[in-house]
PDB file of N, CA and C in Angstrom:
ATOM      1  N   MET A   1      95.303 127.946  99.706  1.00  0.00           N
ATOM      2  CA  MET A   1      95.957 129.307  99.622  1.00  0.00           C
ATOM      3  C   MET A   1      97.426 129.146 100.043  1.00  0.00           C
ATOM      4  N   LYS A   2      97.714 128.185 100.853  1.00  0.00           N
ATOM      5  CA  LYS A   2      99.150 127.976 101.266  1.00  0.00           C
ATOM      6  C   LYS A   2      99.953 127.497 100.041  1.00  0.00           C
ATOM      7  N   LYS A   3      99.390 126.637  99.238  1.00  0.00           N
ATOM      8  CA  LYS A   3     100.055 126.151  98.085  1.00  0.00           C
ATOM      9  C   LYS A   3     100.432 127.345  97.163  1.00  0.00           C
ATOM     10  N   ILE A   4      99.520 128.199  96.989  1.00  0.00           N
ATOM     11  CA  ILE A   4      99.730 129.467  96.018  1.00  0.00           C
ATOM     12  C   ILE A   4     100.858 130.337  96.695  1.00  0.00           C
ATOM     13  N   LYS A   5     100.831 130.552  97.923  1.00  0.00           N
ATOM     14  CA  LYS A   5     101.876 131.387  98.524  1.00  0.00           C
ATOM     15  C   LYS A   5     103.280 130.604  98.391  1.00  0.00           C
ATOM     16  N   GLU A   6     103.303 129.310  98.615  1.00  0.00           N
ATOM     17  CA  GLU A   6     104.465 128.520  98.514  1.00  0.00           C
ATOM     18  C   GLU A   6     105.048 128.647  97.021  1.00  0.00           C
ATOM     19  N   TYR A   7     104.094 128.525  96.125  1.00  0.00           N
ATOM     20  CA  TYR A   7     104.552 128.643  94.728  1.00  0.00           C
ATOM     21  C   TYR A   7     105.200 129.956  94.336  1.00  0.00           C
ATOM     22  N   PHE A   8     104.591 131.030  94.813  1.00  0.00           N
ATOM     23  CA  PHE A   8     105.193 132.405  94.510  1.00  0.00           C
ATOM     24  C   PHE A   8     106.436 132.636  95.313  1.00  0.00           C
ATOM     25  N   ASN A   9     106.602 132.092  96.511  1.00  0.00           N
ATOM     26  CA  ASN A   9     107.821 132.277  97.325  1.00  0.00           C
ATOM     27  C   ASN A   9     108.998 131.494  96.707  1.00  0.00           C
ATOM     28  N   ASP A  10     108.630 130.459  95.962  1.00  0.00           N
ATOM     29  CA  ASP A  10     109.649 129.637  95.330  1.00  0.00           C
ATOM     30  C   ASP A  10     110.360 130.339  94.143  1.00  0.00           C
ATOM     31  N   PHE A  11     109.844 131.433  93.618  1.00  0.00           N
ATOM     32  CA  PHE A  11     110.423 132.064  92.496  1.00  0.00           C
ATOM     33  C   PHE A  11     111.818 132.553  92.733  1.00  0.00           C
ATOM     34  N   ASP A  12     112.309 132.810  93.967  1.00  0.00           N
ATOM     35  CA  ASP A  12     113.687 133.163  94.229  1.00  0.00           C
ATOM     36  C   ASP A  12     114.636 132.085  94.233  1.00  0.00           C
ATOM     37  N   ALA A  13     114.237 130.825  93.961  1.00  0.00           N
ATOM     38  CA  ALA A  13     115.185 129.715  93.957  1.00  0.00           C
ATOM     39  C   ALA A  13     116.023 129.898  92.678  1.00  0.00           C
ATOM     40  N   SER A  14     117.269 129.464  92.789  1.00  0.00           N
ATOM     41  CA  SER A  14     118.123 129.602  91.610  1.00  0.00           C
ATOM     42  C   SER A  14     118.034 128.320  90.831  1.00  0.00           C
ATOM     43  N   VAL A  15     118.157 128.555  89.452  1.00  0.00           N
ATOM     44  CA  VAL A  15     117.936 127.498  88.440  1.00  0.00           C
ATOM     45  C   VAL A  15     119.292 127.445  87.601  1.00  0.00           C
ATOM     46  N   ILE A  16     119.912 126.323  87.502  1.00  0.00           N
ATOM     47  CA  ILE A  16     121.133 126.207  86.671  1.00  0.00           C
ATOM     48  C   ILE A  16     120.674 126.031  85.234  1.00  0.00           C
ATOM     49  N   SER A  17     121.324 126.862  84.315  1.00  0.00           N
ATOM     50  CA  SER A  17     120.959 126.709  82.949  1.00  0.00           C
ATOM     51  C   SER A  17     122.262 126.661  82.162  1.00  0.00           C
ATOM     52  N   THR A  18     122.333 125.907  81.095  1.00  0.00           N
ATOM     53  CA  THR A  18     123.563 125.768  80.287  1.00  0.00           C
ATOM     54  C   THR A  18     123.522 126.827  79.236  1.00  0.00           C
ATOM     55  N   ARG A  19     124.699 127.071  78.658  1.00  0.00           N
ATOM     56  CA  ARG A  19     124.839 128.015  77.529  1.00  0.00           C
ATOM     57  C   ARG A  19     124.055 127.605  76.336  1.00  0.00           C
ATOM     58  N   ARG A  20     123.941 126.326  76.117  1.00  0.00           N
ATOM     59  CA  ARG A  20     123.147 125.787  74.968  1.00  0.00           C
ATOM     60  C   ARG A  20     121.651 126.129  75.093  1.00  0.00           C
ATOM     61  N   VAL A  21     121.165 126.062  76.333  1.00  0.00           N
ATOM     62  CA  VAL A  21     119.720 126.338  76.523  1.00  0.00           C
ATOM     63  C   VAL A  21     119.451 127.788  76.425  1.00  0.00           C
ATOM     64  N   LYS A  22     120.424 128.691  76.950  1.00  0.00           N
ATOM     65  CA  LYS A  22     120.207 130.131  76.749  1.00  0.00           C
ATOM     66  C   LYS A  22     120.272 130.534  75.317  1.00  0.00           C
ATOM     67  N   PHE A  23     121.263 129.879  74.526  1.00  0.00           N
ATOM     68  CA  PHE A  23     121.329 130.240  73.107  1.00  0.00           C
ATOM     69  C   PHE A  23     120.059 129.803  72.358  1.00  0.00           C
ATOM     70  N   LEU A  24     119.564 128.687  72.652  1.00  0.00           N
ATOM     71  CA  LEU A  24     118.353 128.198  71.978  1.00  0.00           C
ATOM     72  C   LEU A  24     117.098 129.134  72.378  1.00  0.00           C
ATOM     73  N   GLU A  25     117.091 129.614  73.540  1.00  0.00           N
ATOM     74  CA  GLU A  25     116.042 130.465  73.980  1.00  0.00           C
ATOM     75  C   GLU A  25     116.122 131.802  73.230  1.00  0.00           C
ATOM     76  N   VAL A  26     117.337 132.403  73.093  1.00  0.00           N
ATOM     77  CA  VAL A  26     117.513 133.636  72.357  1.00  0.00           C
ATOM     78  C   VAL A  26     117.143 133.389  70.859  1.00  0.00           C
ATOM     79  N   LEU A  27     117.519 132.270  70.285  1.00  0.00           N
ATOM     80  CA  LEU A  27     117.318 131.950  68.982  1.00  0.00           C
ATOM     81  C   LEU A  27     115.796 131.828  68.605  1.00  0.00           C
ATOM     82  N   VAL A  28     115.075 131.189  69.523  1.00  0.00           N
ATOM     83  CA  VAL A  28     113.636 130.999  69.392  1.00  0.00           C
ATOM     84  C   VAL A  28     112.952 132.434  69.459  1.00  0.00           C
ATOM     85  N   ALA A  29     113.447 133.135  70.410  1.00  0.00           N
ATOM     86  CA  ALA A  29     112.733 134.533  70.629  1.00  0.00           C
ATOM     87  C   ALA A  29     113.015 135.353  69.365  1.00  0.00           C
ATOM     88  N   LEU A  30     114.232 135.280  68.802  1.00  0.00           N
ATOM     89  CA  LEU A  30     114.559 136.039  67.567  1.00  0.00           C
ATOM     90  C   LEU A  30     113.626 135.588  66.423  1.00  0.00           C
ATOM     91  N   LEU A  31     113.518 134.292  66.215  1.00  0.00           N
ATOM     92  CA  LEU A  31     112.682 133.780  65.099  1.00  0.00           C
ATOM     93  C   LEU A  31     111.249 134.108  65.248  1.00  0.00           C
ATOM     94  N   ILE A  32     110.781 133.917  66.466  1.00  0.00           N
ATOM     95  CA  ILE A  32     109.297 134.330  66.634  1.00  0.00           C
ATOM     96  C   ILE A  32     109.109 135.820  66.437  1.00  0.00           C
ATOM     97  N   GLY A  33     110.077 136.651  66.860  1.00  0.00           N
ATOM     98  CA  GLY A  33     109.992 138.084  66.488  1.00  0.00           C
ATOM     99  C   GLY A  33     109.938 138.501  65.051  1.00  0.00           C
ATOM    100  N   ILE A  34     110.722 137.694  64.332  1.00  0.00           N
ATOM    101  CA  ILE A  34     110.815 137.901  62.870  1.00  0.00           C
ATOM    102  C   ILE A  34     109.459 137.464  62.245  1.00  0.00           C
ATOM    103  N   ILE A  35     108.956 136.292  62.682  1.00  0.00           N
ATOM    104  CA  ILE A  35     107.695 135.865  62.088  1.00  0.00           C
ATOM    105  C   ILE A  35     106.530 136.801  62.445  1.00  0.00           C
ATOM    106  N   ILE A  36     106.490 137.255  63.724  1.00  0.00           N
ATOM    107  CA  ILE A  36     105.366 138.200  64.066  1.00  0.00           C
ATOM    108  C   ILE A  36     105.513 139.504  63.367  1.00  0.00           C
ATOM    109  N   GLY A  37     106.746 139.990  63.143  1.00  0.00           N
ATOM    110  CA  GLY A  37     107.009 141.214  62.359  1.00  0.00           C
ATOM    111  C   GLY A  37     106.469 141.087  60.926  1.00  0.00           C
ATOM    112  N   ILE A  38     106.779 140.042  60.326  1.00  0.00           N
ATOM    113  CA  ILE A  38     106.335 139.781  58.987  1.00  0.00           C
ATOM    114  C   ILE A  38     104.809 139.788  58.875  1.00  0.00           C
ATOM    115  N   MET A  39     104.155 139.151  59.835  1.00  0.00           N
ATOM    116  CA  MET A  39     102.705 139.019  59.820  1.00  0.00           C
ATOM    117  C   MET A  39     102.097 140.379  60.102  1.00  0.00           C
ATOM    118  N   ILE A  40     102.695 141.306  60.930  1.00  0.00           N
ATOM    119  CA  ILE A  40     102.110 142.543  61.295  1.00  0.00           C
ATOM    120  C   ILE A  40     102.348 143.567  60.196  1.00  0.00           C
ATOM    121  N   ALA A  41     103.466 143.498  59.483  1.00  0.00           N
ATOM    122  CA  ALA A  41     103.818 144.485  58.455  1.00  0.00           C
ATOM    123  C   ALA A  41     102.796 144.572  57.379  1.00  0.00           C
ATOM    124  N   PRO A  42     102.483 145.872  56.985  1.00  0.00           N
ATOM    125  CA  PRO A  42     101.496 146.027  55.902  1.00  0.00           C
ATOM    126  C   PRO A  42     102.110 145.489  54.581  1.00  0.00           C
ATOM    127  N   PRO A  43     101.296 145.001  53.693  1.00  0.00           N
ATOM    128  CA  PRO A  43     101.811 144.624  52.347  1.00  0.00           C
ATOM    129  C   PRO A  43     102.200 145.812  51.557  1.00  0.00           C
ATOM    130  N   ARG A  44     103.206 145.744  50.820  1.00  0.00           N
ATOM    131  CA  ARG A  44     103.632 146.848  49.988  1.00  0.00           C
ATOM    132  C   ARG A  44     103.683 146.352  48.480  1.00  0.00           C
ATOM    133  N   LYS A  45     103.434 147.346  47.664  1.00  0.00           N
ATOM    134  CA  LYS A  45     103.619 147.108  46.183  1.00  0.00           C
ATOM    135  C   LYS A  45     104.933 147.583  45.854  1.00  0.00           C
ATOM    136  N   LEU A  46     105.757 146.682  45.350  1.00  0.00           N
ATOM    137  CA  LEU A  46     107.099 146.985  45.024  1.00  0.00           C
ATOM    138  C   LEU A  46     107.279 147.064  43.487  1.00  0.00           C
ATOM    139  N   LYS A  47     107.922 148.193  43.129  1.00  0.00           N
ATOM    140  CA  LYS A  47     108.202 148.364  41.698  1.00  0.00           C
ATOM    141  C   LYS A  47     109.675 148.439  41.563  1.00  0.00           C
ATOM    142  N   MET A  48     110.228 147.543  40.819  1.00  0.00           N
ATOM    143  CA  MET A  48     111.754 147.522  40.695  1.00  0.00           C
ATOM    144  C   MET A  48     112.115 148.022  39.296  1.00  0.00           C
ATOM    145  N   GLY A  49     113.105 148.688  39.171  1.00  0.00           N
ATOM    146  CA  GLY A  49     113.647 149.161  37.856  1.00  0.00           C
ATOM    147  C   GLY A  49     113.864 150.624  37.876  1.00  0.00           C
ATOM    148  N   CYS A  50     114.549 151.128  36.901  1.00  0.00           N
ATOM    149  CA  CYS A  50     114.882 152.564  36.844  1.00  0.00           C
ATOM    150  C   CYS A  50     113.938 153.338  35.946  1.00  0.00           C
ATOM    151  N   ASN A  51     113.077 152.664  35.240  1.00  0.00           N
ATOM    152  CA  ASN A  51     112.014 153.319  34.446  1.00  0.00           C
ATOM    153  C   ASN A  51     112.603 154.295  33.404  1.00  0.00           C
ATOM    154  N   ASN A  52     113.689 153.815  32.784  1.00  0.00           N
ATOM    155  CA  ASN A  52     114.362 154.752  31.778  1.00  0.00           C
ATOM    156  C   ASN A  52     113.971 154.333  30.361  1.00  0.00           C
ATOM    157  N   GLY A  53     112.729 154.415  29.951  1.00  0.00           N
ATOM    158  CA  GLY A  53     112.346 154.227  28.681  1.00  0.00           C
ATOM    159  C   GLY A  53     111.702 152.884  28.419  1.00  0.00           C
ATOM    160  N   ASN A  54     111.466 152.144  29.393  1.00  0.00           N
ATOM    161  CA  ASN A  54     110.754 150.863  29.196  1.00  0.00           C
ATOM    162  C   ASN A  54     109.275 151.089  28.921  1.00  0.00           C
ATOM    163  N   ASN A  55     108.826 150.938  27.640  1.00  0.00           N
ATOM    164  CA  ASN A  55     107.468 151.179  27.307  1.00  0.00           C
ATOM    165  C   ASN A  55     106.664 149.946  27.088  1.00  0.00           C
ATOM    166  N   ASN A  56     107.098 148.867  27.649  1.00  0.00           N
ATOM    167  CA  ASN A  56     106.357 147.578  27.522  1.00  0.00           C
ATOM    168  C   ASN A  56     105.220 147.579  28.561  1.00  0.00           C
ATOM    169  N   VAL A  57     104.054 148.243  28.234  1.00  0.00           N
ATOM    170  CA  VAL A  57     103.063 148.215  29.214  1.00  0.00           C
ATOM    171  C   VAL A  57     102.069 147.076  28.855  1.00  0.00           C
ATOM    172  N   ALA A  58     101.721 146.263  29.810  1.00  0.00           N
ATOM    173  CA  ALA A  58     100.852 145.104  29.540  1.00  0.00           C
ATOM    174  C   ALA A  58      99.413 145.352  29.870  1.00  0.00           C
ATOM    175  N   GLU A  59      99.132 146.441  30.650  1.00  0.00           N
ATOM    176  CA  GLU A  59      97.703 146.655  31.094  1.00  0.00           C
ATOM    177  C   GLU A  59      97.436 148.113  31.045  1.00  0.00           C
ATOM    178  N   GLY A  60      96.086 148.418  31.054  1.00  0.00           N
ATOM    179  CA  GLY A  60      95.692 149.835  31.092  1.00  0.00           C
ATOM    180  C   GLY A  60      95.791 150.487  29.702  1.00  0.00           C
ATOM    181  N   ASN A  61      95.686 151.806  29.680  1.00  0.00           N
ATOM    182  CA  ASN A  61      95.741 152.495  28.448  1.00  0.00           C
ATOM    183  C   ASN A  61      97.149 153.040  28.138  1.00  0.00           C
ATOM    184  N   GLY A  62      98.151 152.447  28.735  1.00  0.00           N
ATOM    185  CA  GLY A  62      99.488 152.821  28.476  1.00  0.00           C
ATOM    186  C   GLY A  62      99.856 152.533  27.083  1.00  0.00           C
ATOM    187  N   CYS A  63     100.828 153.232  26.500  1.00  0.00           N
ATOM    188  CA  CYS A  63     101.221 153.076  25.087  1.00  0.00           C
ATOM    189  C   CYS A  63     102.510 152.200  25.115  1.00  0.00           C
ATOM    190  N   GLY A  64     102.275 151.022  24.690  1.00  0.00           N
ATOM    191  CA  GLY A  64     103.394 150.125  24.562  1.00  0.00           C
ATOM    192  C   GLY A  64     103.779 149.820  23.171  1.00  0.00           C
ATOM    193  N   CYS A  65     103.532 150.329  22.253  1.00  0.00           N
ATOM    194  CA  CYS A  65     102.544 150.753  21.355  1.00  0.00           C
ATOM    195  C   CYS A  65     102.411 149.606  20.347  1.00  0.00           C
ATOM    196  N   GLY A  66     101.273 148.882  20.470  1.00  0.00           N
ATOM    197  CA  GLY A  66     100.953 147.842  19.519  1.00  0.00           C
ATOM    198  C   GLY A  66      99.992 148.453  18.451  1.00  0.00           C
ATOM    199  N   LYS A  67      99.950 149.699  18.311  1.00  0.00           N
ATOM    200  CA  LYS A  67      99.192 150.450  17.232  1.00  0.00           C
ATOM    201  C   LYS A  67      97.682 150.273  17.413  1.00  0.00           C
ATOM    202  N   ASP A  68      97.186 149.567  18.395  1.00  0.00           N
ATOM    203  CA  ASP A  68      95.727 149.482  18.636  1.00  0.00           C
ATOM    204  C   ASP A  68      95.296 150.268  19.811  1.00  0.00           C
ATOM    205  N   CYS A  69      95.930 151.408  19.963  1.00  0.00           N
ATOM    206  CA  CYS A  69      95.597 152.196  21.233  1.00  0.00           C
ATOM    207  C   CYS A  69      95.098 153.525  20.816  1.00  0.00           C
ATOM    208  N   GLU A  70      94.739 154.353  21.803  1.00  0.00           N
ATOM    209  CA  GLU A  70      94.237 155.639  21.534  1.00  0.00           C
ATOM    210  C   GLU A  70      95.199 156.727  22.024  1.00  0.00           C
ATOM    211  N   CYS A  71      96.491 156.451  21.756  1.00  0.00           N
ATOM    212  CA  CYS A  71      97.489 157.305  22.283  1.00  0.00           C
ATOM    213  C   CYS A  71      97.885 158.444  21.293  1.00  0.00           C
ATOM    214  N   GLY A  72      97.470 158.258  20.091  1.00  0.00           N
ATOM    215  CA  GLY A  72      97.755 159.363  19.032  1.00  0.00           C
ATOM    216  C   GLY A  72      99.042 159.118  18.351  1.00  0.00           C
ATOM    217  N   CYS A  73      99.710 158.018  18.620  1.00  0.00           N
ATOM    218  CA  CYS A  73     101.031 157.769  17.979  1.00  0.00           C
ATOM    219  C   CYS A  73     100.914 157.610  16.507  1.00  0.00           C
ATOM    220  N   ASP A  74      99.742 157.094  15.997  1.00  0.00           N
ATOM    221  CA  ASP A  74      99.477 156.998  14.605  1.00  0.00           C
ATOM    222  C   ASP A  74      99.474 158.315  14.000  1.00  0.00           C
ATOM    223  N   ASP A  75      98.947 159.327  14.612  1.00  0.00           N
ATOM    224  CA  ASP A  75      98.892 160.722  14.148  1.00  0.00           C
ATOM    225  C   ASP A  75     100.366 161.240  13.977  1.00  0.00           C
ATOM    226  N   ASP A  76     101.132 160.939  15.001  1.00  0.00           N
ATOM    227  CA  ASP A  76     102.465 161.456  14.975  1.00  0.00           C
ATOM    228  C   ASP A  76     103.350 160.922  13.785  1.00  0.00           C
ATOM    229  N   ASP A  77     103.033 159.565  13.531  1.00  0.00           N
ATOM    230  CA  ASP A  77     103.729 158.957  12.418  1.00  0.00           C
ATOM    231  C   ASP A  77     103.333 159.558  11.137  1.00  0.00           C
ATOM    232  N   LYS A  78     102.033 159.944  10.937  1.00  0.00           N
ATOM    233  CA  LYS A  78     101.576 160.501   9.706  1.00  0.00           C
ATOM    234  C   LYS A  78     102.197 161.931   9.475  1.00  0.00           C
ATOM    235  N   GLU A  79     102.408 162.645  10.640  1.00  0.00           N
ATOM    236  CA  GLU A  79     102.963 163.989  10.520  1.00  0.00           C
ATOM    237  C   GLU A  79     104.443 163.853  10.017  1.00  0.00           C
ATOM    238  N   ASP A  80     105.135 162.813  10.572  1.00  0.00           N
ATOM    239  CA  ASP A  80     106.581 162.694  10.275  1.00  0.00           C
ATOM    240  C   ASP A  80     106.751 162.330   8.836  1.00  0.00           C
ATOM    241  N   GLU A  81     105.762 161.621   8.243  1.00  0.00           N
ATOM    242  CA  GLU A  81     105.924 161.211   6.853  1.00  0.00           C
ATOM    243  C   GLU A  81     105.679 162.316   5.904  1.00  0.00           C
ATOM    244  N   GLU A  82     104.902 163.377   6.333  1.00  0.00           N
ATOM    245  CA  GLU A  82     104.547 164.563   5.445  1.00  0.00           C
ATOM    246  C   GLU A  82     105.694 165.461   5.425  1.00  0.00           C
TER     247      GLU A  82
END
């Protein structure tokens, strides 16, 4: 029990530290914070672009129009011809 008390009483002792050590401690804390933040953050689906008429749809029932879809664009072309 005496050793434990001596250990906790020794916390008031001054410790000399260089600027390099303090800088590295701050740098490590910052990098660990960034890594933990990236791991905790929820994944997001990011869509980039202004969506101003880009009809190149690769999936789903979107009309990109390869003429093999059910969008009715064939009907529109027939009406324009008449």
